[in-house]
Protein backbone atom coordinates (compact mmCIF):
# COMPACT_ATOMS: atom_id res chain seq x y z
CA UNK A 1 -75.76 51.29 27.96
CA UNK A 2 -73.67 52.85 25.20
CA UNK A 3 -74.01 56.49 24.18
CA UNK A 4 -75.41 55.41 20.81
CA UNK A 5 -78.14 53.25 22.36
CA UNK A 6 -79.05 55.99 24.83
CA UNK A 7 -79.37 58.43 21.91
CA UNK A 8 -81.86 56.11 20.21
CA UNK A 9 -83.83 55.59 23.42
CA UNK A 10 -83.99 59.35 23.98
CA UNK A 11 -85.26 59.75 20.42
CA UNK A 12 -87.89 57.05 21.01
CA UNK A 13 -89.18 58.87 24.08
CA UNK A 14 -89.05 62.35 22.56
CA UNK A 15 -90.81 61.34 19.33
CA UNK A 16 -93.25 59.05 21.15
CA UNK A 17 -92.22 56.07 19.03
CA UNK A 18 -94.57 53.11 19.51
CA UNK A 19 -92.95 50.46 17.30
CA UNK A 20 -89.36 49.65 16.43
CA UNK A 21 -88.85 47.61 13.26
CA UNK A 22 -85.63 45.59 13.23
CA UNK A 23 -84.46 44.85 9.68
CA UNK A 24 -82.03 42.40 8.11
CA UNK A 25 -81.25 40.97 4.67
CA UNK A 26 -81.31 37.25 3.98
CA UNK A 27 -78.85 35.38 1.77
CA UNK A 28 -80.99 35.99 -1.32
CA UNK A 29 -80.88 39.71 -0.69
CA UNK A 30 -84.53 39.82 0.41
CA UNK A 31 -85.58 42.31 3.06
CA UNK A 32 -86.87 40.79 6.34
CA UNK A 33 -87.99 42.45 9.57
CA UNK A 34 -89.64 42.02 12.93
CA UNK A 35 -91.60 44.69 14.86
CA UNK A 36 -91.20 45.22 18.59
CA UNK A 37 -92.90 47.64 20.99
CA UNK A 38 -90.61 50.52 21.88
CA UNK A 39 -90.67 49.45 25.54
CA UNK A 40 -88.56 46.44 24.50
CA UNK A 41 -85.72 48.90 23.93
CA UNK A 42 -86.47 51.35 26.74
CA UNK A 43 -86.90 48.83 29.56
CA UNK A 44 -86.39 45.41 28.00
CA UNK A 45 -83.58 43.40 26.47
CA UNK A 46 -84.09 44.07 22.75
CA UNK A 47 -80.71 45.80 22.52
CA UNK A 48 -79.06 42.56 23.64
CA UNK A 49 -80.77 40.15 21.25
CA UNK A 50 -84.03 39.35 19.47
CA UNK A 51 -84.77 35.68 18.79
CA UNK A 52 -85.91 34.43 15.37
CA UNK A 53 -86.08 31.20 13.35
CA UNK A 54 -83.01 31.16 11.11
CA UNK A 55 -84.11 28.05 9.19
CA UNK A 56 -87.19 29.83 7.80
CA UNK A 57 -85.02 32.37 5.97
CA UNK A 58 -82.24 30.04 4.86
CA UNK A 59 -79.53 30.82 7.42
CA UNK A 60 -79.45 27.44 9.15
CA UNK A 61 -80.79 23.90 9.17
CA UNK A 62 -83.95 23.37 11.18
CA UNK A 63 -82.05 21.52 13.92
CA UNK A 64 -79.86 24.63 14.40
CA UNK A 65 -82.49 27.27 13.73
CA UNK A 66 -82.33 29.29 16.97
CA UNK A 67 -80.74 32.58 15.98
CA UNK A 68 -80.85 36.17 17.15
CA UNK A 69 -80.72 39.72 15.84
CA UNK A 70 -78.42 42.38 17.35
CA UNK A 71 -79.72 45.88 16.48
CA UNK A 72 -77.24 48.55 15.36
CA UNK A 73 -78.01 51.84 17.15
CA UNK A 74 -76.17 53.81 14.45
CA UNK A 75 -78.70 52.83 11.79
CA UNK A 76 -81.98 54.30 13.04
CA UNK A 77 -84.44 56.32 10.99
CA UNK A 78 -88.17 57.01 11.15
CA UNK A 79 -90.56 55.20 8.83
CA UNK A 80 -92.54 57.63 6.61
CA UNK A 81 -95.22 55.03 5.87
CA UNK A 82 -96.08 54.13 9.47
CA UNK A 83 -96.83 56.62 12.24
CA UNK A 84 -94.60 56.56 15.32
CA UNK A 85 -92.36 53.84 13.89
CA UNK A 86 -88.57 53.61 13.95
CA UNK A 87 -86.34 51.43 11.75
CA UNK A 88 -83.07 49.78 12.79
CA UNK A 89 -80.73 47.39 10.98
CA UNK A 90 -79.37 44.33 12.73
CA UNK A 91 -76.58 41.79 12.62
CA UNK A 92 -77.27 38.07 13.02
CA UNK A 93 -75.92 35.67 15.64
CA UNK A 94 -76.12 31.88 15.59
CA UNK A 95 -77.04 29.76 18.61
CA UNK A 96 -73.39 29.82 19.78
CA UNK A 97 -73.43 33.62 19.89
CA UNK A 98 -71.17 33.95 16.83
CA UNK A 99 -71.98 36.85 14.51
CA UNK A 100 -72.69 35.54 11.04
CA UNK A 101 -74.55 36.75 7.97
CA UNK A 102 -74.09 39.53 5.41
CA UNK A 103 -73.75 42.50 7.75
CA UNK A 104 -71.15 40.77 9.88
CA UNK A 105 -69.17 39.77 6.79
CA UNK A 106 -68.97 43.41 5.70
CA UNK A 107 -68.02 44.57 9.20
CA UNK A 108 -65.11 42.11 9.26
CA UNK A 109 -63.70 43.58 6.02
CA UNK A 110 -64.19 47.14 7.26
CA UNK A 111 -62.14 46.30 10.37
CA UNK A 112 -59.32 44.96 8.18
CA UNK A 113 -59.19 48.33 6.44
CA UNK A 114 -59.29 50.14 9.77
CA UNK A 115 -56.24 48.14 10.89
CA UNK A 116 -54.39 49.78 7.99
CA UNK A 117 -55.69 53.22 8.92
CA UNK A 118 -58.15 53.25 6.00
CA UNK A 119 -61.91 53.77 5.78
CA UNK A 120 -63.72 52.62 2.62
CA UNK A 121 -66.41 54.95 1.31
CA UNK A 122 -69.00 54.00 -1.31
CA UNK A 123 -71.43 55.97 -3.44
CA UNK A 124 -73.96 53.52 -4.99
CA UNK A 125 -75.86 54.47 -8.13
CA UNK A 126 -79.41 53.15 -7.89
CA UNK A 127 -81.19 52.38 -11.16
CA UNK A 128 -84.73 50.98 -11.25
CA UNK A 129 -87.85 50.80 -13.37
CA UNK A 130 -91.33 51.96 -12.41
CA UNK A 131 -94.30 50.36 -14.15
CA UNK A 132 -97.97 51.21 -13.83
CA UNK A 133 -98.98 47.55 -13.56
CA UNK A 134 -97.76 44.03 -14.27
CA UNK A 135 -99.51 43.97 -17.65
CA UNK A 136 -97.43 46.94 -18.77
CA UNK A 137 -94.23 45.30 -17.55
CA UNK A 138 -95.01 42.09 -19.43
CA UNK A 139 -95.87 43.98 -22.62
CA UNK A 140 -92.52 45.80 -22.46
CA UNK A 141 -90.71 42.47 -22.37
CA UNK A 142 -92.38 40.63 -25.24
CA UNK A 143 -91.87 41.12 -28.96
CA UNK A 144 -93.95 44.29 -28.80
CA UNK A 145 -91.27 45.94 -26.68
CA UNK A 146 -88.96 46.12 -29.69
CA UNK A 147 -88.00 49.52 -31.02
CA UNK A 148 -90.44 49.56 -33.92
CA UNK A 149 -92.35 52.68 -33.02
CA UNK A 150 -92.80 56.31 -33.99
CA UNK A 151 -92.46 59.09 -31.44
CA UNK A 152 -92.04 56.58 -28.64
CA UNK A 153 -95.42 54.91 -29.28
CA UNK A 154 -95.18 51.21 -30.05
CA UNK A 155 -97.45 50.39 -32.99
CA UNK A 156 -98.49 46.98 -31.68
CA UNK A 157 -99.20 48.43 -28.25
CA UNK A 158 -101.47 51.00 -29.86
CA UNK A 159 -103.43 48.34 -31.73
CA UNK A 160 -103.98 46.42 -28.50
CA UNK A 161 -104.85 49.48 -26.44
CA UNK A 162 -101.61 49.57 -24.43
CA UNK A 163 -100.03 52.57 -26.17
CA UNK A 164 -98.09 55.14 -24.19
CA UNK A 165 -99.72 58.44 -23.47
CA UNK A 166 -98.44 61.65 -25.03
CA UNK A 167 -96.71 62.59 -21.79
CA UNK A 168 -94.22 59.75 -22.22
CA UNK A 169 -92.89 59.88 -25.82
CA UNK A 170 -89.51 58.22 -25.32
CA UNK A 171 -87.81 55.27 -27.00
CA UNK A 172 -86.14 52.27 -25.42
CA UNK A 173 -82.44 52.91 -24.61
CA UNK A 174 -82.87 56.59 -25.60
CA UNK A 175 -84.58 58.07 -22.56
CA UNK A 176 -81.46 59.30 -20.72
CA UNK A 177 -82.10 62.75 -19.16
CA UNK A 178 -85.56 62.99 -20.73
CA UNK A 179 -86.98 66.47 -20.16
CA UNK A 180 -89.41 66.74 -17.27
CA UNK A 181 -92.15 68.04 -19.56
CA UNK A 182 -92.23 64.65 -21.29
CA UNK A 183 -91.78 62.51 -18.21
CA UNK A 184 -94.64 60.92 -16.28
CA UNK A 185 -92.43 59.78 -13.36
CA UNK A 186 -90.83 63.09 -12.45
CA UNK A 187 -93.03 63.55 -9.36
CA UNK A 188 -92.20 60.02 -8.20
CA UNK A 189 -88.45 60.59 -8.24
CA UNK A 190 -88.92 64.02 -6.65
CA UNK A 191 -90.86 62.49 -3.76
CA UNK A 192 -88.55 59.50 -3.38
CA UNK A 193 -85.57 61.86 -3.21
CA UNK A 194 -87.37 63.89 -0.54
CA UNK A 195 -87.95 60.72 1.49
CA UNK A 196 -84.27 59.78 1.23
CA UNK A 197 -83.22 63.26 2.38
CA UNK A 198 -85.65 63.02 5.30
CA UNK A 199 -84.03 59.70 6.22
CA UNK A 200 -80.67 61.48 6.48
CA UNK A 201 -79.10 60.88 3.08
CA UNK A 202 -77.42 63.44 0.86
CA UNK A 203 -78.79 63.36 -2.71
CA UNK A 204 -76.53 64.60 -5.51
CA UNK A 205 -79.17 64.51 -8.23
CA UNK A 206 -81.89 62.41 -9.80
CA UNK A 207 -82.98 61.97 -13.40
CA UNK A 208 -84.61 59.76 -15.99
CA UNK A 209 -82.24 56.97 -17.02
CA UNK A 210 -81.79 55.32 -20.42
CA UNK A 211 -84.74 52.93 -20.18
CA UNK A 212 -88.22 54.11 -21.10
CA UNK A 213 -89.47 53.80 -17.53
CA UNK A 214 -86.11 53.79 -15.78
CA UNK A 215 -85.04 56.24 -13.08
CA UNK A 216 -81.80 56.90 -11.24
CA UNK A 217 -81.01 58.67 -8.00
CA UNK A 218 -77.40 59.34 -7.02
CA UNK A 219 -76.13 60.05 -3.55
CA UNK A 220 -72.87 61.18 -2.01
CA UNK A 221 -70.26 58.96 -0.36
CA UNK A 222 -70.95 57.08 2.85
CA UNK A 223 -68.79 54.78 4.97
CA UNK A 224 -69.26 51.27 3.56
CA UNK A 225 -71.77 50.02 6.15
CA UNK A 226 -73.94 53.12 5.86
CA UNK A 227 -73.81 52.79 2.07
CA UNK A 228 -75.08 49.20 2.27
CA UNK A 229 -77.83 50.27 4.68
CA UNK A 230 -78.72 53.06 2.25
CA UNK A 231 -79.33 50.54 -0.54
CA UNK A 232 -81.69 48.55 1.67
CA UNK A 233 -83.52 51.69 2.77
CA UNK A 234 -83.67 53.00 -0.81
CA UNK A 235 -85.47 49.90 -2.04
CA UNK A 236 -87.83 49.98 0.95
CA UNK A 237 -88.75 53.61 0.33
CA UNK A 238 -89.16 53.13 -3.43
CA UNK A 239 -91.48 50.15 -2.95
CA UNK A 240 -93.39 51.86 -0.14
CA UNK A 241 -93.93 54.97 -2.23
CA UNK A 242 -94.94 52.82 -5.19
CA UNK A 243 -97.55 51.11 -3.00
CA UNK A 244 -98.97 54.48 -1.95
CA UNK A 245 -99.07 55.81 -5.51
CA UNK A 246 -100.32 52.65 -7.21
CA UNK A 247 -97.04 52.07 -9.08
CA UNK A 248 -94.70 49.07 -9.27
CA UNK A 249 -90.96 49.76 -8.94
CA UNK A 250 -88.68 46.87 -9.86
CA UNK A 251 -84.99 46.34 -9.17
CA UNK A 252 -84.82 43.29 -11.42
CA UNK A 253 -81.48 43.57 -13.28
CA UNK A 254 -83.01 43.11 -16.75
CA UNK A 255 -86.80 43.56 -16.80
CA UNK A 256 -86.94 44.02 -20.58
CA UNK A 257 -84.94 42.30 -23.31
CA UNK A 258 -85.19 45.44 -25.44
CA UNK A 259 -84.17 48.08 -22.94
CA UNK A 260 -81.40 49.03 -20.53
CA UNK A 261 -80.77 46.97 -17.42
CA UNK A 262 -80.67 48.12 -13.80
CA UNK A 263 -77.10 48.62 -12.64
CA UNK A 264 -75.86 49.45 -9.15
CA UNK A 265 -72.45 50.90 -9.95
CA UNK A 266 -70.24 51.38 -6.88
CA UNK A 267 -68.05 54.47 -6.79
CA UNK A 268 -65.33 53.71 -4.24
CA UNK A 269 -62.72 55.81 -2.48
CA UNK A 270 -60.54 55.14 0.53
CA UNK A 271 -59.97 57.69 3.25
CA UNK A 272 -56.99 58.03 5.56
CA UNK A 273 -58.46 60.37 8.13
CA UNK A 274 -59.77 63.27 6.04
CA UNK A 275 -57.34 62.60 3.20
CA UNK A 276 -58.26 60.71 0.05
CA UNK A 277 -56.03 57.64 0.10
CA UNK A 278 -56.48 57.13 -3.66
CA UNK A 279 -54.90 60.49 -4.58
CA UNK A 280 -51.23 61.37 -5.04
CA UNK A 281 -49.67 64.81 -4.59
CA UNK A 282 -50.61 65.73 -8.16
CA UNK A 283 -54.24 64.82 -7.56
CA UNK A 284 -54.10 61.71 -9.76
CA UNK A 285 -54.73 58.08 -8.86
CA UNK A 286 -51.83 56.82 -6.73
CA UNK A 287 -50.31 53.38 -6.38
CA UNK A 288 -52.83 52.38 -3.70
CA UNK A 289 -55.67 53.02 -6.12
CA UNK A 290 -53.93 51.08 -8.88
CA UNK A 291 -53.29 48.14 -6.55
CA UNK A 292 -56.98 48.26 -5.60
CA UNK A 293 -57.95 48.18 -9.29
CA UNK A 294 -55.61 45.23 -9.86
CA UNK A 295 -57.25 43.35 -6.99
CA UNK A 296 -60.70 43.93 -8.45
CA UNK A 297 -59.55 42.67 -11.84
CA UNK A 298 -57.86 39.55 -10.45
CA UNK A 299 -60.95 38.53 -8.48
CA UNK A 300 -63.62 39.88 -10.86
CA UNK A 301 -65.10 36.50 -11.88
CA UNK A 302 -65.45 35.43 -8.23
CA UNK A 303 -67.10 38.73 -7.27
CA UNK A 304 -69.98 38.06 -9.63
CA UNK A 305 -71.58 35.51 -7.30
CA UNK A 306 -72.33 38.48 -5.02
CA UNK A 307 -72.47 41.48 -7.37
CA UNK A 308 -74.62 39.64 -9.94
CA UNK A 309 -76.32 36.88 -7.94
CA UNK A 310 -79.32 36.00 -10.12
CA UNK A 311 -79.86 34.18 -13.40
CA UNK A 312 -81.41 37.38 -14.72
CA UNK A 313 -78.24 39.34 -13.84
CA UNK A 314 -76.40 37.88 -16.82
CA UNK A 315 -79.02 39.08 -19.28
CA UNK A 316 -77.81 42.57 -18.35
CA UNK A 317 -74.08 41.83 -18.76
CA UNK A 318 -74.21 41.92 -22.54
CA UNK A 319 -72.71 44.30 -25.14
CA UNK A 320 -74.73 47.27 -26.29
CA UNK A 321 -76.35 48.43 -23.06
CA UNK A 322 -73.39 50.14 -21.29
CA UNK A 323 -72.96 47.13 -18.98
CA UNK A 324 -69.44 45.64 -18.79
CA UNK A 325 -68.42 42.29 -20.23
CA UNK A 326 -64.63 42.72 -20.36
CA UNK A 327 -62.35 42.65 -17.29
CA UNK A 328 -60.44 45.85 -17.92
CA UNK A 329 -59.97 49.34 -16.53
CA UNK A 330 -60.14 52.61 -18.38
CA UNK A 331 -60.60 56.34 -17.90
CA UNK A 332 -64.04 57.63 -18.79
CA UNK A 333 -64.93 54.43 -20.65
CA UNK A 334 -68.32 52.92 -19.86
CA UNK A 335 -67.56 49.69 -21.69
CA UNK A 336 -64.92 48.75 -19.09
CA UNK A 337 -65.58 46.86 -15.87
CA UNK A 338 -63.69 49.53 -13.92
CA UNK A 339 -64.04 53.16 -14.95
CA UNK A 340 -61.98 56.03 -13.61
CA UNK A 341 -64.33 59.01 -13.94
CA UNK A 342 -63.04 62.11 -15.67
CA UNK A 343 -63.77 64.08 -12.49
CA UNK A 344 -61.60 61.75 -10.35
CA UNK A 345 -59.04 64.35 -9.29
CA UNK A 346 -57.58 65.22 -5.91
CA UNK A 347 -60.09 64.70 -3.10
CA UNK A 348 -62.56 63.38 -5.69
CA UNK A 349 -60.30 60.50 -6.73
CA UNK A 350 -62.45 57.40 -6.99
CA UNK A 351 -62.98 54.34 -9.10
CA UNK A 352 -66.27 52.94 -10.35
CA UNK A 353 -66.95 49.22 -10.65
CA UNK A 354 -69.82 48.82 -13.10
CA UNK A 355 -70.97 45.21 -13.00
CA UNK A 356 -72.99 45.16 -9.71
CA UNK A 357 -76.75 45.18 -10.18
CA UNK A 358 -79.70 45.97 -7.98
CA UNK A 359 -80.53 42.32 -7.18
CA UNK A 360 -77.34 42.06 -5.11
CA UNK A 361 -77.28 41.70 -1.35
CA UNK A 362 -75.50 45.03 -0.70
CA UNK A 363 -73.55 43.78 2.31
CA UNK A 364 -72.12 40.76 0.51
CA UNK A 365 -71.45 42.70 -2.70
CA UNK A 366 -69.62 45.46 -0.83
CA UNK A 367 -67.69 42.94 1.26
CA UNK A 368 -66.53 40.95 -1.77
CA UNK A 369 -65.49 44.07 -3.69
CA UNK A 370 -63.60 45.52 -0.73
CA UNK A 371 -61.92 42.17 -0.05
CA UNK A 372 -60.69 42.02 -3.65
CA UNK A 373 -59.36 45.57 -3.51
CA UNK A 374 -57.70 44.93 -0.15
CA UNK A 375 -55.93 41.88 -1.55
CA UNK A 376 -54.58 44.05 -4.34
CA UNK A 377 -53.29 46.59 -1.83
CA UNK A 378 -51.72 44.02 0.51
CA UNK A 379 -49.98 42.12 -2.31
CA UNK A 380 -49.19 45.29 -4.28
CA UNK A 381 -50.71 43.80 -7.41
CA UNK A 382 -49.92 45.63 -10.64
CA UNK A 383 -52.82 46.68 -12.81
CA UNK A 384 -52.47 45.94 -16.53
CA UNK A 385 -52.23 48.82 -18.99
CA UNK A 386 -55.32 50.97 -19.39
CA UNK A 387 -57.73 49.63 -22.02
CA UNK A 388 -58.80 51.94 -24.81
CA UNK A 389 -61.60 51.98 -27.34
CA UNK A 390 -64.94 50.20 -27.42
CA UNK A 391 -64.28 47.07 -25.38
CA UNK A 392 -67.40 45.38 -26.72
CA UNK A 393 -65.34 44.92 -29.87
CA UNK A 394 -62.36 43.46 -27.98
CA UNK A 395 -61.83 39.70 -28.29
CA UNK A 396 -58.55 39.31 -26.41
CA UNK A 397 -59.20 40.55 -22.86
CA UNK A 398 -60.54 38.24 -20.13
CA UNK A 399 -64.32 38.26 -19.81
CA UNK A 400 -66.77 38.33 -16.93
CA UNK A 401 -68.86 35.20 -16.40
CA UNK A 402 -71.74 34.92 -18.83
CA UNK A 403 -74.00 32.78 -16.61
CA UNK A 404 -74.47 32.35 -12.87
CA UNK A 405 -72.97 28.84 -12.98
CA UNK A 406 -69.64 30.28 -14.13
CA UNK A 407 -69.63 32.86 -11.36
CA UNK A 408 -70.30 30.26 -8.65
CA UNK A 409 -67.47 28.05 -9.92
CA UNK A 410 -65.09 31.02 -10.05
CA UNK A 411 -65.91 31.86 -6.43
CA UNK A 412 -65.41 28.23 -5.41
CA UNK A 413 -61.82 28.48 -6.66
CA UNK A 414 -60.96 31.91 -5.21
CA UNK A 415 -59.43 31.54 -1.74
CA UNK A 416 -59.38 35.28 -0.99
CA UNK A 417 -63.07 35.82 -1.68
CA UNK A 418 -64.03 32.57 0.06
CA UNK A 419 -62.14 33.61 3.18
CA UNK A 420 -63.74 37.06 3.10
CA UNK A 421 -67.32 35.85 2.73
CA UNK A 422 -66.89 32.67 4.76
CA UNK A 423 -66.81 29.20 3.27
CA UNK A 424 -69.81 27.91 5.18
CA UNK A 425 -71.89 30.92 4.19
CA UNK A 426 -70.89 30.61 0.55
CA UNK A 427 -71.73 26.90 0.50
CA UNK A 428 -75.26 27.73 1.68
CA UNK A 429 -75.56 30.40 -1.02
CA UNK A 430 -74.12 28.10 -3.68
CA UNK A 431 -76.51 25.26 -2.83
CA UNK A 432 -79.50 27.61 -3.00
CA UNK A 433 -78.34 29.06 -6.32
CA UNK A 434 -77.68 25.64 -7.83
CA UNK A 435 -81.24 24.66 -6.91
CA UNK A 436 -82.52 27.88 -8.49
CA UNK A 437 -80.55 27.14 -11.68
CA UNK A 438 -81.96 23.61 -11.79
CA UNK A 439 -85.50 24.95 -11.42
CA UNK A 440 -84.84 27.44 -14.22
CA UNK A 441 -83.54 24.77 -16.59
CA UNK A 442 -86.76 22.78 -16.18
CA UNK A 443 -88.77 25.66 -17.61
CA UNK A 444 -89.63 26.00 -21.31
CA UNK A 445 -89.56 29.74 -22.14
CA UNK A 446 -91.73 31.26 -24.85
CA UNK A 447 -88.59 31.76 -26.97
CA UNK A 448 -88.26 27.98 -27.30
CA UNK A 449 -91.83 27.68 -28.61
CA UNK A 450 -91.40 30.58 -31.04
CA UNK A 451 -88.10 29.20 -32.32
CA UNK A 452 -88.43 25.44 -32.26
CA UNK A 453 -92.09 24.40 -32.20
CA UNK A 454 -92.25 23.70 -35.93
CA UNK A 455 -88.83 22.13 -36.44
């Protein structure tokens, strides 16, 4: 037994853990798990493999559905919502014993970096909304969510009895860094941050975001796999806390047509030992960083199948909400796809890619992004000149896909990203997404009735 597995088993015995929950993410980015008695790890074979039906979660056809989970001993943390319960993340194996699935895809890319002496680190920004109930969420997204109010109180909401209380007088798109005295969700983000810290994560800060009921919590940098695990654990803790408090967090990319969307910006740096591999002797971005940026730009359309994997994702990627639409890089410019923060100096040298959203499967999104950057480094791609000005007003630069169909086709034609993710895996994802798009197109949204009923 490895040192890491023995450490977990010792923790299980010392903390009198009764149940071990083994977690994984399916191809839609949905969280799945299975619970085992702790004895399965102490005296049984759970460390070797845990059987499950892969066809029921979209990983395989029913005739090839026998699959297994391989727990990662480096990913354990205690569950604050269940007594004496431990959480682990797992990789997936098919019936032939081959590791497949999102976590394995990311691990393959990480090993390619390690072969070059590099370790990718990611700091994900997590944005999400918290509603009191579904009725409130729906009201925010109809015509009464428009900014036609005084002091943050929507007039139509007031007439119908859904007005905001005096403790929440903020407008759509104008709530960034709202003072705690006005904010009804301050205690929620305090407690969620405490839970994340207890789970072993460093929190830089948390605050109210630009949306009326939108929050953000920022963390430090983690090695890529730990960063992806963090995203999964973040959503689990937010939803668990919401359940306890009678609130409904959502990570839907664009829950309201009138307000800011939920981004999941990735700040990325590469390490060579303890040294920042993106920094030159003067503390500025070096050629490696610029090649990485060039790789992201070349493969940007293909990345969107994984960074923006839902139909709703493309309602966020529109001008006017600080979400990118133009494939460009710039310093301190939030209208660009790739932003070099003003603080990116020396050991803090990093780049931020701004199109990922919180519906993404974090393992596939991270893998695709890192594969694109690695291609730029290996081929020494040259980044174009830095873009300047408000890029929403730019009509000449290449654009990100505007619908999911475009993203899927771009990925189908990108050999580098296909090789990184795996062609078979992508074909499964593509088929599922095409079916989802077909189902969507059969629907008649309320906009159609409002616009065309009396033509």
